[in-house]
Amino acid sequence: YQQTPPEVAERIRTWLESFKHKPAESRPITEEDQKWLKEHIDELFKRGGEEDDRPL
């Protein structure tokens, strides 16, 4: 890699950068989101499968 021509090395760097995770855009929580969270909060914190009712 050290002996690679600079143009090729830059193309490789650019290509590798394309695989990095890009964070999602943040947005405010809507009233609909809040309502859904309130209704499903217990399900989100269940341990294991659906039959497992133990909290975390």
C-alpha atoms as a PDB file:
ATOM      1  CA  TYR A   1       0.000   0.000   0.000  1.00  0.00           C
ATOM      2  CA  GLN A   2       2.913   2.343   0.797  1.00  0.00           C
ATOM      3  CA  GLN A   3       4.258   1.985  -2.754  1.00  0.00           C
ATOM      4  CA  THR A   4       0.891   2.535  -4.387  1.00  0.00           C
ATOM      5  CA  PRO A   5       0.714   5.673  -6.540  1.00  0.00           C
ATOM      6  CA  PRO A   6      -1.031   8.530  -4.663  1.00  0.00           C
ATOM      7  CA  GLU A   7      -3.951   8.625  -7.126  1.00  0.00           C
ATOM      8  CA  VAL A   8      -4.663   4.927  -6.616  1.00  0.00           C
ATOM      9  CA  ALA A   9      -4.228   5.176  -2.838  1.00  0.00           C
ATOM     10  CA  GLU A  10      -6.743   8.050  -2.752  1.00  0.00           C
ATOM     11  CA  ARG A  11      -9.257   6.036  -4.789  1.00  0.00           C
ATOM     12  CA  ILE A  12      -8.821   3.116  -2.385  1.00  0.00           C
ATOM     13  CA  ARG A  13      -9.294   5.434   0.632  1.00  0.00           C
ATOM     14  CA  THR A  14     -12.442   6.894  -0.943  1.00  0.00           C
ATOM     15  CA  TRP A  15     -13.769   3.429  -1.712  1.00  0.00           C
ATOM     16  CA  LEU A  16     -13.119   2.243   1.860  1.00  0.00           C
ATOM     17  CA  GLU A  17     -14.809   5.359   3.281  1.00  0.00           C
ATOM     18  CA  SER A  18     -17.979   4.431   1.384  1.00  0.00           C
ATOM     19  CA  PHE A  19     -18.377   1.386   3.654  1.00  0.00           C
ATOM     20  CA  LYS A  20     -18.302   3.344   6.907  1.00  0.00           C
ATOM     21  CA  HIS A  21     -21.536   3.749   8.831  1.00  0.00           C
ATOM     22  CA  LYS A  22     -23.245   7.056   8.272  1.00  0.00           C
ATOM     23  CA  PRO A  23     -25.431   8.196  11.186  1.00  0.00           C
ATOM     24  CA  ALA A  24     -29.107   8.629  10.490  1.00  0.00           C
ATOM     25  CA  GLU A  25     -30.593  12.086  10.470  1.00  0.00           C
ATOM     26  CA  SER A  26     -32.031  13.033  13.819  1.00  0.00           C
ATOM     27  CA  ARG A  27     -35.526  14.398  14.038  1.00  0.00           C
ATOM     28  CA  PRO A  28     -37.828  15.360  16.882  1.00  0.00           C
ATOM     29  CA  ILE A  29     -40.050  12.673  18.378  1.00  0.00           C
ATOM     30  CA  THR A  30     -43.586  13.187  17.153  1.00  0.00           C
ATOM     31  CA  GLU A  31     -46.702  12.800  19.281  1.00  0.00           C
ATOM     32  CA  GLU A  32     -47.424   9.623  17.324  1.00  0.00           C
ATOM     33  CA  ASP A  33     -43.947   8.275  18.228  1.00  0.00           C
ATOM     34  CA  GLN A  34     -44.510   9.141  21.896  1.00  0.00           C
ATOM     35  CA  LYS A  35     -47.876   7.379  21.914  1.00  0.00           C
ATOM     36  CA  TRP A  36     -46.404   4.248  20.299  1.00  0.00           C
ATOM     37  CA  LEU A  37     -43.510   4.171  22.791  1.00  0.00           C
ATOM     38  CA  LYS A  38     -45.869   4.492  25.765  1.00  0.00           C
ATOM     39  CA  GLU A  39     -47.990   1.620  24.448  1.00  0.00           C
ATOM     40  CA  HIS A  40     -45.021  -0.678  23.676  1.00  0.00           C
ATOM     41  CA  ILE A  41     -42.393   0.207  26.301  1.00  0.00           C
ATOM     42  CA  ASP A  42     -42.844  -3.082  28.207  1.00  0.00           C
ATOM     43  CA  GLU A  43     -42.350  -5.118  25.034  1.00  0.00           C
ATOM     44  CA  LEU A  44     -39.157  -3.229  24.213  1.00  0.00           C
ATOM     45  CA  PHE A  45     -37.580  -4.198  27.545  1.00  0.00           C
ATOM     46  CA  LYS A  46     -38.653  -7.855  27.660  1.00  0.00           C
ATOM     47  CA  ARG A  47     -35.860 -10.384  27.971  1.00  0.00           C
ATOM     48  CA  GLY A  48     -35.812 -13.255  25.467  1.00  0.00           C
ATOM     49  CA  GLY A  49     -38.693 -14.306  23.258  1.00  0.00           C
ATOM     50  CA  GLU A  50     -42.373 -13.513  23.386  1.00  0.00           C
ATOM     51  CA  GLU A  51     -43.065 -16.181  26.015  1.00  0.00           C
ATOM     52  CA  ASP A  52     -40.487 -14.682  28.365  1.00  0.00           C
ATOM     53  CA  ASP A  53     -42.190 -12.038  30.538  1.00  0.00           C
ATOM     54  CA  ARG A  54     -39.219 -11.408  32.837  1.00  0.00           C
ATOM     55  CA  PRO A  55     -38.049  -7.769  32.831  1.00  0.00           C
ATOM     56  CA  LEU A  56     -34.417  -6.945  32.145  1.00  0.00           C
END
